[in-house]
Amino acid sequence: MIHIGIPVHNERETIGPLLWRIRELLYGERRRFHVLVCDDASDDGTAEALERYPRVLPLTVLRNEERRGYAASLDRLIRATLRRSGYPRRDAFVSMQGDFSDPPERLPEMLRHFEGGADLVTVARAEPEPLPRRLTRAAGRLCARHLLAAPAVTDPYASLRLYRLFALEGAVAAGDGPLLQYEGWAADAALLLQVWPFVRRFEEIPHGPHPLRRYREARFRAGEQLRQLFAVGRDRALREIGRQVMDVA
């Protein structure tokens, strides 16, 4: 079973077409799947747009009554999926954005890698990006140098990923609080680091320009992205220092 988790906030214009595209792709591939959407207190009619889709595809809609952010919504989707599935070694969770910035057309290819034995499949952004994003990525790698603990990953900020549930289950069990504590790219980078110890095989798929792709420039804040990425690197460095002190003691 493939579980697809989509955190959304004010995506009335895109969530319906995205769900329909996922339906076309996965029914065409004869895949068993279930979509979970977490509506993060949208106030633009997203909830009303979602109401018609449980009639045409397997869909569960979760709703945050107050805005909690991307990280908390993704955390909730992951935990809901783990509760639904009884087969963590056979099932997968796919995370993706609700605005077509993650191309659903990559899903069949991701599933083939998963069926070939991969525990983690990411879709790396290989096409040219707007200059502010390119600069933010370069600066982010300096702020979060410890992301290089997963050296095989060329795009640690990718949001379109497939995880074998066993890896997510291990990451959840290893902590005693929220799975994700950062926002934006930092949330995806931190989740990568948390699942990495449980990943036996990793695959990365580059993707080029797609006619449906668009950037939500109004929501992109380079300064906030860098602040969150710096927090990931700082916190990881402090944990490493703490472990070294304990080893010496």
Protein backbone atom coordinates (compact mmCIF):
# COMPACT_ATOMS: atom_id res chain seq x y z
CA MET A 1 0.00 0.00 0.00
CA ILE A 2 1.23 3.47 -0.92
CA HIS A 3 0.19 6.29 1.42
CA ILE A 4 0.53 9.81 0.01
CA GLY A 5 0.68 12.63 2.57
CA ILE A 6 -0.03 16.19 1.45
CA PRO A 7 0.12 19.13 3.91
CA VAL A 8 -1.88 22.07 2.56
CA HIS A 9 -2.66 25.64 3.54
CA ASN A 10 -4.86 27.74 1.26
CA GLU A 11 -4.49 25.50 -1.81
CA ARG A 12 -8.07 25.71 -3.10
CA GLU A 13 -6.95 26.27 -6.70
CA THR A 14 -4.50 23.37 -6.91
CA ILE A 15 -5.42 20.60 -4.47
CA GLY A 16 -8.33 19.28 -6.55
CA PRO A 17 -6.42 19.03 -9.85
CA LEU A 18 -3.49 17.46 -7.96
CA LEU A 19 -5.68 14.77 -6.40
CA TRP A 20 -7.25 14.03 -9.79
CA ARG A 21 -3.79 13.71 -11.38
CA ILE A 22 -2.65 11.32 -8.64
CA ARG A 23 -5.80 9.28 -9.24
CA GLU A 24 -5.11 9.08 -12.98
CA LEU A 25 -1.50 8.06 -12.49
CA LEU A 26 -1.96 5.42 -9.82
CA TYR A 27 -5.17 3.87 -11.09
CA GLY A 28 -3.46 3.65 -14.47
CA GLU A 29 -0.56 1.82 -12.81
CA ARG A 30 -3.01 -0.45 -10.94
CA ARG A 31 -1.54 0.62 -7.58
CA ARG A 32 -3.20 0.30 -4.20
CA PHE A 33 -2.96 3.71 -2.58
CA HIS A 34 -4.50 6.02 -0.01
CA VAL A 35 -4.15 9.80 0.09
CA LEU A 36 -4.04 11.73 3.36
CA VAL A 37 -4.36 15.51 3.30
CA CYS A 38 -3.73 17.70 6.34
CA ASP A 39 -5.55 21.01 5.91
CA ASP A 40 -3.64 23.48 8.08
CA ALA A 41 -6.51 25.83 8.99
CA SER A 42 -7.08 27.03 5.41
CA ASP A 43 -9.51 29.93 5.08
CA ASP A 44 -9.75 30.16 1.28
CA GLY A 45 -12.22 27.35 0.60
CA THR A 46 -9.70 24.50 0.55
CA ALA A 47 -11.88 22.43 2.92
CA GLU A 48 -14.90 22.83 0.64
CA ALA A 49 -12.81 21.92 -2.41
CA LEU A 50 -11.74 18.68 -0.72
CA GLU A 51 -15.26 17.56 0.15
CA ARG A 52 -16.05 16.05 -3.26
CA TYR A 53 -12.92 13.89 -3.61
CA PRO A 54 -13.58 11.04 -1.12
CA ARG A 55 -16.24 9.90 -3.61
CA VAL A 56 -13.72 9.34 -6.40
CA LEU A 57 -10.52 8.19 -4.67
CA PRO A 58 -9.39 6.77 -1.30
CA LEU A 59 -8.89 9.94 0.73
CA THR A 60 -8.65 10.90 4.39
CA VAL A 61 -8.73 14.60 5.28
CA LEU A 62 -7.25 15.77 8.58
CA ARG A 63 -7.77 19.35 9.69
CA ASN A 64 -5.88 21.61 12.06
CA GLU A 65 -8.36 24.06 13.55
CA GLU A 66 -5.52 26.53 14.19
CA ARG A 67 -2.50 27.17 11.95
CA ARG A 68 0.30 24.86 13.08
CA GLY A 69 2.70 25.03 10.16
CA TYR A 70 4.22 22.66 7.62
CA ALA A 71 6.29 20.65 10.10
CA ALA A 72 3.40 19.86 12.46
CA SER A 73 1.14 18.97 9.52
CA LEU A 74 3.72 16.62 8.02
CA ASP A 75 4.34 15.08 11.46
CA ARG A 76 0.61 14.45 11.83
CA LEU A 77 0.38 12.82 8.40
CA ILE A 78 3.31 10.51 9.15
CA ARG A 79 1.86 9.38 12.49
CA ALA A 80 -1.60 8.88 10.98
CA THR A 81 -0.06 6.70 8.27
CA LEU A 82 1.87 4.60 10.80
CA ARG A 83 -1.39 3.99 12.67
CA ARG A 84 -3.18 2.98 9.48
CA SER A 85 -0.59 0.52 8.24
CA GLY A 86 0.14 -2.90 9.71
CA TYR A 87 2.98 -3.60 7.28
CA PRO A 88 5.84 -1.12 7.86
CA ARG A 89 8.29 -3.15 5.78
CA ARG A 90 5.92 -3.47 2.81
CA ASP A 91 4.15 -0.08 2.81
CA ALA A 92 5.44 3.35 1.85
CA PHE A 93 4.71 6.98 2.66
CA VAL A 94 5.14 9.64 -0.02
CA SER A 95 5.36 13.28 1.06
CA MET A 96 4.57 16.01 -1.45
CA GLN A 97 3.43 19.62 -1.70
CA GLY A 98 -0.15 20.52 -2.60
CA ASP A 99 0.55 23.14 -5.28
CA PHE A 100 2.13 21.09 -8.11
CA SER A 101 5.63 22.29 -7.19
CA ASP A 102 6.30 18.56 -6.68
CA PRO A 103 5.51 16.77 -9.98
CA PRO A 104 3.10 13.85 -9.41
CA GLU A 105 4.28 12.36 -12.71
CA ARG A 106 7.35 11.09 -10.83
CA LEU A 107 5.24 8.81 -8.61
CA PRO A 108 5.31 5.70 -10.84
CA GLU A 109 9.11 5.92 -11.15
CA MET A 110 9.48 6.35 -7.40
CA LEU A 111 7.31 3.29 -6.80
CA ARG A 112 9.44 1.20 -9.14
CA HIS A 113 12.54 2.09 -7.12
CA PHE A 114 10.66 1.22 -3.92
CA GLU A 115 9.59 -2.15 -5.31
CA GLY A 116 13.22 -2.72 -6.31
CA GLY A 117 14.23 -2.51 -2.65
CA ALA A 118 14.85 1.18 -1.92
CA ASP A 119 13.89 2.40 1.57
CA LEU A 120 14.15 6.08 0.64
CA VAL A 121 13.56 7.67 -2.77
CA THR A 122 13.88 11.41 -3.29
CA VAL A 123 13.18 13.58 -6.32
CA ALA A 124 15.96 16.15 -6.54
CA ARG A 125 15.42 19.54 -8.12
CA ALA A 126 17.67 19.50 -11.17
CA GLU A 127 16.07 22.27 -13.22
CA PRO A 128 17.11 25.95 -13.00
CA GLU A 129 15.51 27.76 -10.07
CA PRO A 130 14.94 31.47 -9.48
CA LEU A 131 18.07 33.26 -8.27
CA PRO A 132 16.83 33.83 -4.66
CA ARG A 133 16.30 30.09 -4.23
CA ARG A 134 19.70 29.20 -5.71
CA LEU A 135 21.43 31.63 -3.36
CA THR A 136 19.43 30.36 -0.40
CA ARG A 137 20.41 26.78 -1.19
CA ALA A 138 24.10 27.71 -1.38
CA ALA A 139 23.97 29.65 1.90
CA GLY A 140 21.89 26.90 3.50
CA ARG A 141 24.62 24.36 2.91
CA LEU A 142 26.99 26.56 4.90
CA CYS A 143 24.45 27.09 7.69
CA ALA A 144 23.66 23.39 7.95
CA ARG A 145 26.99 21.75 7.20
CA HIS A 146 25.99 18.72 9.24
CA LEU A 147 23.46 17.79 6.58
CA LEU A 148 26.48 16.28 4.86
CA ALA A 149 26.03 13.38 7.30
CA ALA A 150 23.89 12.02 4.45
CA PRO A 151 26.50 12.53 1.69
CA ALA A 152 24.69 10.49 -0.97
CA VAL A 153 21.83 13.02 -1.05
CA THR A 154 22.40 15.90 -3.45
CA ASP A 155 19.16 17.72 -2.53
CA PRO A 156 18.59 17.51 1.25
CA TYR A 157 15.68 19.99 0.98
CA ALA A 158 13.53 17.91 -1.39
CA SER A 159 9.92 17.59 -0.25
CA LEU A 160 8.89 14.91 -2.79
CA ARG A 161 10.12 11.74 -1.11
CA LEU A 162 9.11 8.14 -0.62
CA TYR A 163 9.93 6.50 2.71
CA ARG A 164 9.54 2.85 3.59
CA LEU A 165 7.37 2.97 6.70
CA PHE A 166 9.92 0.95 8.63
CA ALA A 167 12.35 3.89 8.42
CA LEU A 168 9.75 6.40 9.60
CA GLU A 169 8.69 4.05 12.39
CA GLY A 170 12.30 3.90 13.58
CA ALA A 171 12.65 7.69 13.52
CA VAL A 172 9.45 8.15 15.52
CA ALA A 173 10.44 5.51 18.07
CA ALA A 174 13.89 7.08 18.52
CA GLY A 175 12.42 10.38 19.77
CA ASP A 176 10.20 11.33 22.67
CA GLY A 177 8.58 14.47 21.28
CA PRO A 178 7.50 15.98 17.95
CA LEU A 179 9.19 14.34 14.99
CA LEU A 180 9.76 17.72 13.30
CA GLN A 181 10.66 20.98 15.04
CA TYR A 182 11.70 23.19 12.10
CA GLU A 183 9.82 24.77 9.21
CA GLY A 184 10.24 24.88 5.44
CA TRP A 185 13.30 23.29 3.89
CA ALA A 186 14.71 22.68 7.36
CA ALA A 187 11.82 20.34 8.19
CA ASP A 188 12.59 18.16 5.17
CA ALA A 189 16.33 18.27 5.89
CA ALA A 190 15.83 17.33 9.55
CA LEU A 191 13.50 14.46 8.62
CA LEU A 192 16.15 13.15 6.23
CA LEU A 193 18.69 13.07 9.06
CA GLN A 194 16.27 11.31 11.40
CA VAL A 195 15.41 8.49 9.00
CA TRP A 196 18.92 8.09 7.56
CA PRO A 197 20.12 5.59 10.25
CA PHE A 198 17.25 3.25 9.30
CA VAL A 199 17.75 3.44 5.52
CA ARG A 200 19.50 0.47 3.94
CA ARG A 201 19.17 1.58 0.32
CA PHE A 202 18.71 5.07 -1.08
CA GLU A 203 17.78 6.24 -4.59
CA GLU A 204 17.61 9.79 -5.94
CA ILE A 205 15.77 10.82 -9.10
CA PRO A 206 16.61 14.14 -10.78
CA HIS A 207 13.78 15.96 -12.46
CA GLY A 208 13.83 18.71 -15.04
CA PRO A 209 11.35 21.46 -15.91
CA HIS A 210 7.69 20.51 -15.97
CA PRO A 211 4.85 22.56 -17.52
CA LEU A 212 2.76 22.30 -14.33
CA ARG A 213 5.53 23.54 -12.07
CA ARG A 214 5.20 26.90 -10.38
CA TYR A 215 6.85 28.57 -7.39
CA ARG A 216 4.96 30.15 -4.54
CA GLU A 217 7.19 33.21 -4.41
CA ALA A 218 4.84 35.03 -2.04
CA ARG A 219 5.45 32.32 0.57
CA PHE A 220 9.18 31.93 0.04
CA ARG A 221 11.25 33.82 2.63
CA ALA A 222 14.98 33.34 2.16
CA GLY A 223 15.87 34.79 5.56
CA GLU A 224 13.47 32.49 7.42
CA GLN A 225 14.66 29.46 5.45
CA LEU A 226 18.26 30.21 6.39
CA ARG A 227 17.38 30.80 10.04
CA GLN A 228 15.68 27.41 10.23
CA LEU A 229 18.53 25.65 8.42
CA PHE A 230 21.04 27.26 10.76
CA ALA A 231 19.01 25.91 13.70
CA VAL A 232 19.17 22.38 12.26
CA GLY A 233 22.95 22.56 11.89
CA ARG A 234 23.45 24.17 15.31
CA ASP A 235 21.28 21.68 17.16
CA ARG A 236 22.88 18.72 15.44
CA ALA A 237 26.35 20.03 16.25
CA LEU A 238 25.40 20.47 19.91
CA ARG A 239 24.09 16.92 20.07
CA GLU A 240 27.33 15.60 18.57
CA ILE A 241 29.37 17.53 21.14
CA GLY A 242 27.17 16.16 23.92
CA ARG A 243 27.69 12.59 22.75
CA GLN A 244 31.47 13.11 22.57
CA VAL A 245 31.50 14.47 26.13
CA MET A 246 29.53 11.48 27.36
CA ASP A 247 31.89 9.09 25.56
CA VAL A 248 34.92 10.73 27.22
CA ALA A 249 33.21 10.64 30.63
